[in-house]
């Protein structure tokens, strides 16, 4: 029964992903900015569109797909990210409690906003995939104490924040949760904060440099 519901979710969103994008946010921002760069032959200032100065990690994926003359591929990227989120949730929960693995996926897929974003030309689902992967790697670090997992978590957190500033607020929420709830020594928490924060900052540096060159303000 659950499998059929998930299949219906996937087919429905695939159907809507095959329609040309019409959502205003995509037309003014998520597709408009990479399309402007494509027309201009590179990253150039766009003084009348402040969205061009926001982090654009996922929009750069959209740019490469549009270079291949595909206006639908950005929506399919969102759908693929949604499927990967579902698979990651399933795998994560299966390692914790097998009986809840499908339930976790179903709860995610039944969120109305998830259905909308899965077939949209927006960076939210890809950013969410980055964030979930970063969290998975962080908890792997907690269990294994492998520095590699912490570094990868910080790098992927940087990809998430570079997809949309709102993921920076999620990162702050993660730091607060770690401070109050996770049983780690305080000094170790500070080290973890520093490593992740530095890596996120380094991953964001290209966008800060771009804004500084174009506007004189890294956070324009």
Protein backbone atom coordinates (compact mmCIF):
# COMPACT_ATOMS: atom_id res chain seq x y z
CA UNK A 1 0.00 0.00 0.00
CA UNK A 2 2.74 2.49 0.99
CA UNK A 3 4.73 1.68 -2.14
CA UNK A 4 1.71 2.46 -4.35
CA UNK A 5 1.20 5.79 -2.59
CA UNK A 6 4.86 6.70 -3.08
CA UNK A 7 4.65 5.69 -6.72
CA UNK A 8 1.57 7.88 -7.17
CA UNK A 9 3.46 10.80 -5.58
CA UNK A 10 6.38 10.28 -7.96
CA UNK A 11 4.25 9.93 -11.10
CA UNK A 12 2.14 12.99 -10.22
CA UNK A 13 5.20 15.17 -9.71
CA UNK A 14 6.87 13.81 -12.83
CA UNK A 15 3.72 14.77 -14.75
CA UNK A 16 3.84 18.35 -13.45
CA UNK A 17 7.60 18.52 -14.02
CA UNK A 18 7.03 18.13 -17.75
CA UNK A 19 5.11 21.42 -17.99
CA UNK A 20 7.05 24.65 -18.70
CA UNK A 21 7.77 26.70 -15.56
CA UNK A 22 5.30 29.50 -14.77
CA UNK A 23 5.83 30.24 -11.06
CA UNK A 24 6.71 33.92 -10.60
CA UNK A 25 9.70 33.25 -8.32
CA UNK A 26 11.27 31.04 -10.98
CA UNK A 27 10.59 33.49 -13.79
CA UNK A 28 12.00 36.49 -11.90
CA UNK A 29 14.84 34.81 -10.02
CA UNK A 30 15.76 31.12 -10.22
CA UNK A 31 15.66 30.90 -14.01
CA UNK A 32 15.89 34.58 -14.88
CA UNK A 33 19.32 35.13 -13.32
CA UNK A 34 21.09 32.17 -14.98
CA UNK A 35 19.34 33.04 -18.25
CA UNK A 36 20.62 36.63 -17.97
CA UNK A 37 24.17 35.37 -17.39
CA UNK A 38 23.78 33.06 -20.38
CA UNK A 39 22.64 35.93 -22.61
CA UNK A 40 25.42 38.22 -21.39
CA UNK A 41 28.06 35.51 -21.78
CA UNK A 42 29.11 35.54 -18.13
CA UNK A 43 28.40 36.87 -14.65
CA UNK A 44 27.74 40.58 -15.02
CA UNK A 45 25.93 43.06 -12.71
CA UNK A 46 22.15 43.23 -12.92
CA UNK A 47 21.38 46.42 -10.98
CA UNK A 48 17.58 46.15 -11.34
CA UNK A 49 17.33 42.61 -9.93
CA UNK A 50 18.66 42.20 -6.37
CA UNK A 51 18.09 38.43 -6.63
CA UNK A 52 21.21 38.26 -8.82
CA UNK A 53 23.29 38.95 -5.71
CA UNK A 54 21.94 36.09 -3.61
CA UNK A 55 23.82 32.74 -3.36
CA UNK A 56 23.22 30.80 -6.56
CA UNK A 57 24.63 27.28 -6.11
CA UNK A 58 21.56 25.50 -7.47
CA UNK A 59 20.87 28.19 -10.07
CA UNK A 60 24.28 27.36 -11.54
CA UNK A 61 23.03 23.80 -12.07
CA UNK A 62 20.01 25.33 -13.79
CA UNK A 63 22.38 27.40 -15.93
CA UNK A 64 24.20 24.32 -17.24
CA UNK A 65 20.89 22.63 -18.02
CA UNK A 66 19.69 25.74 -19.88
CA UNK A 67 22.92 25.81 -21.88
CA UNK A 68 21.70 22.47 -23.22
CA UNK A 69 18.47 24.17 -24.33
CA UNK A 70 16.40 22.41 -21.68
CA UNK A 71 13.91 24.54 -19.77
CA UNK A 72 12.43 21.45 -18.10
CA UNK A 73 15.65 20.05 -16.63
CA UNK A 74 15.66 22.48 -13.64
CA UNK A 75 12.27 21.04 -12.59
CA UNK A 76 13.61 17.52 -13.05
CA UNK A 77 16.62 18.42 -10.88
CA UNK A 78 14.17 19.35 -8.10
CA UNK A 79 12.31 16.07 -8.60
CA UNK A 80 15.55 14.07 -8.53
CA UNK A 81 16.55 15.86 -5.31
CA UNK A 82 13.19 14.92 -3.81
CA UNK A 83 13.69 11.25 -4.69
CA UNK A 84 17.19 11.34 -3.18
CA UNK A 85 15.82 12.93 0.01
CA UNK A 86 13.27 10.12 0.27
CA UNK A 87 15.96 7.48 -0.24
CA UNK A 88 18.24 9.13 2.31
CA UNK A 89 15.42 9.30 4.85
CA UNK A 90 14.59 5.65 4.20
CA UNK A 91 18.19 4.55 4.64
CA UNK A 92 18.71 6.68 7.76
CA UNK A 93 15.57 5.46 9.47
CA UNK A 94 16.23 1.88 8.42
CA UNK A 95 19.49 2.01 10.36
CA UNK A 96 17.62 3.37 13.40
CA UNK A 97 14.32 1.49 13.32
CA UNK A 98 13.33 -0.53 10.26
CA UNK A 99 9.61 -0.39 11.09
CA UNK A 100 9.56 3.41 10.69
CA UNK A 101 11.61 3.74 7.49
CA UNK A 102 8.65 3.84 5.08
CA UNK A 103 6.64 5.95 7.51
CA UNK A 104 9.37 8.62 7.52
CA UNK A 105 9.30 8.75 3.72
CA UNK A 106 5.50 8.94 3.66
CA UNK A 107 5.43 11.76 6.21
CA UNK A 108 7.88 13.70 4.06
CA UNK A 109 5.99 13.08 0.81
CA UNK A 110 2.64 14.09 2.30
CA UNK A 111 3.88 17.57 3.23
CA UNK A 112 1.97 19.81 0.76
CA UNK A 113 4.95 22.09 0.23
CA UNK A 114 7.14 19.09 -0.63
CA UNK A 115 4.78 18.17 -3.44
CA UNK A 116 4.84 21.71 -4.77
CA UNK A 117 8.63 22.11 -4.59
CA UNK A 118 9.31 18.67 -6.08
CA UNK A 119 8.09 19.84 -9.49
CA UNK A 120 9.28 23.46 -9.38
CA UNK A 121 12.31 25.31 -10.76
CA UNK A 122 13.41 26.34 -7.29
CA UNK A 123 16.52 25.49 -5.24
CA UNK A 124 14.67 24.44 -2.09
CA UNK A 125 14.65 20.67 -2.61
CA UNK A 126 18.29 20.52 -3.67
CA UNK A 127 19.24 22.68 -0.69
CA UNK A 128 17.20 20.39 1.56
CA UNK A 129 19.05 17.40 0.13
CA UNK A 130 22.37 19.06 0.97
CA UNK A 131 21.19 19.85 4.50
CA UNK A 132 19.92 16.33 5.16
CA UNK A 133 23.15 14.82 3.84
CA UNK A 134 25.15 17.19 6.08
CA UNK A 135 23.10 16.13 9.11
CA UNK A 136 23.55 12.45 8.23
CA UNK A 137 27.31 12.89 8.00
CA UNK A 138 27.40 14.82 11.25
CA UNK A 139 25.65 12.06 13.18
CA UNK A 140 27.98 9.59 11.50
CA UNK A 141 30.83 11.68 12.95
CA UNK A 142 29.22 11.54 16.39
CA UNK A 143 29.21 7.75 16.24
CA UNK A 144 32.52 7.14 14.48
CA UNK A 145 34.57 10.20 15.58
CA UNK A 146 36.03 10.26 12.05
CA UNK A 147 37.23 13.77 11.18
CA UNK A 148 36.43 13.11 7.52
CA UNK A 149 32.71 12.93 8.29
CA UNK A 150 32.81 16.25 10.15
CA UNK A 151 34.68 17.96 7.30
CA UNK A 152 32.29 16.57 4.70
CA UNK A 153 29.35 17.70 6.84
CA UNK A 154 30.74 21.23 6.97
CA UNK A 155 31.37 21.32 3.21
CA UNK A 156 27.86 20.11 2.41
CA UNK A 157 26.37 22.56 4.92
CA UNK A 158 28.19 25.18 2.86
CA UNK A 159 26.51 23.90 -0.30
CA UNK A 160 23.14 24.16 1.45
CA UNK A 161 23.68 27.72 2.68
CA UNK A 162 25.01 28.61 -0.78
CA UNK A 163 21.71 27.43 -2.22
CA UNK A 164 19.60 29.82 -0.16
CA UNK A 165 20.32 32.04 2.84
CA UNK A 166 17.47 30.46 4.77
CA UNK A 167 19.58 27.35 5.26
CA UNK A 168 21.90 29.53 7.29
CA UNK A 169 19.08 29.94 9.83
CA UNK A 170 18.62 26.17 9.82
CA UNK A 171 22.35 25.86 10.55
CA UNK A 172 21.98 28.22 13.51
CA UNK A 173 19.06 26.10 14.75
CA UNK A 174 21.26 23.01 14.38
CA UNK A 175 24.01 24.68 16.45
CA UNK A 176 21.50 25.57 19.18
CA UNK A 177 20.11 22.03 19.23
CA UNK A 178 23.62 20.64 19.49
CA UNK A 179 24.42 23.05 22.33
CA UNK A 180 21.44 22.04 24.46
CA UNK A 181 20.66 18.45 23.54
CA UNK A 182 23.64 16.53 22.22
CA UNK A 183 25.83 14.87 24.89
CA UNK A 184 29.19 16.22 23.76
CA UNK A 185 31.80 17.91 25.98
CA UNK A 186 31.50 21.68 25.74
CA UNK A 187 35.02 22.17 24.38
CA UNK A 188 34.36 19.58 21.68
CA UNK A 189 31.16 21.40 20.73
CA UNK A 190 33.16 24.62 20.25
CA UNK A 191 35.61 22.79 17.98
CA UNK A 192 32.72 21.33 15.97
CA UNK A 193 31.11 24.77 15.66
CA UNK A 194 34.38 26.30 14.49
CA UNK A 195 35.11 23.62 11.89
CA UNK A 196 31.63 23.74 10.37
CA UNK A 197 31.41 27.55 10.47
CA UNK A 198 34.82 27.96 8.79
CA UNK A 199 33.97 25.45 6.06
CA UNK A 200 30.59 27.09 5.42
CA UNK A 201 32.30 30.49 5.17
CA UNK A 202 34.89 29.13 2.71
CA UNK A 203 32.14 27.57 0.58
CA UNK A 204 30.33 30.91 0.53
CA UNK A 205 33.44 32.93 -0.37
CA UNK A 206 32.91 32.84 -4.16
CA UNK A 207 29.53 34.55 -3.76
CA UNK A 208 30.92 37.08 -1.28
CA UNK A 209 33.78 37.89 -3.68
CA UNK A 210 31.36 38.20 -6.62
CA UNK A 211 29.15 40.63 -4.70
CA UNK A 212 32.15 42.63 -3.49
CA UNK A 213 33.45 43.02 -7.04
CA UNK A 214 30.04 43.95 -8.45
CA UNK A 215 28.60 46.07 -5.65
CA UNK A 216 31.32 46.69 -3.07
CA UNK A 217 29.21 44.82 -0.49
CA UNK A 218 29.70 41.04 0.06
CA UNK A 219 26.20 40.73 1.54
CA UNK A 220 24.42 43.02 -0.91
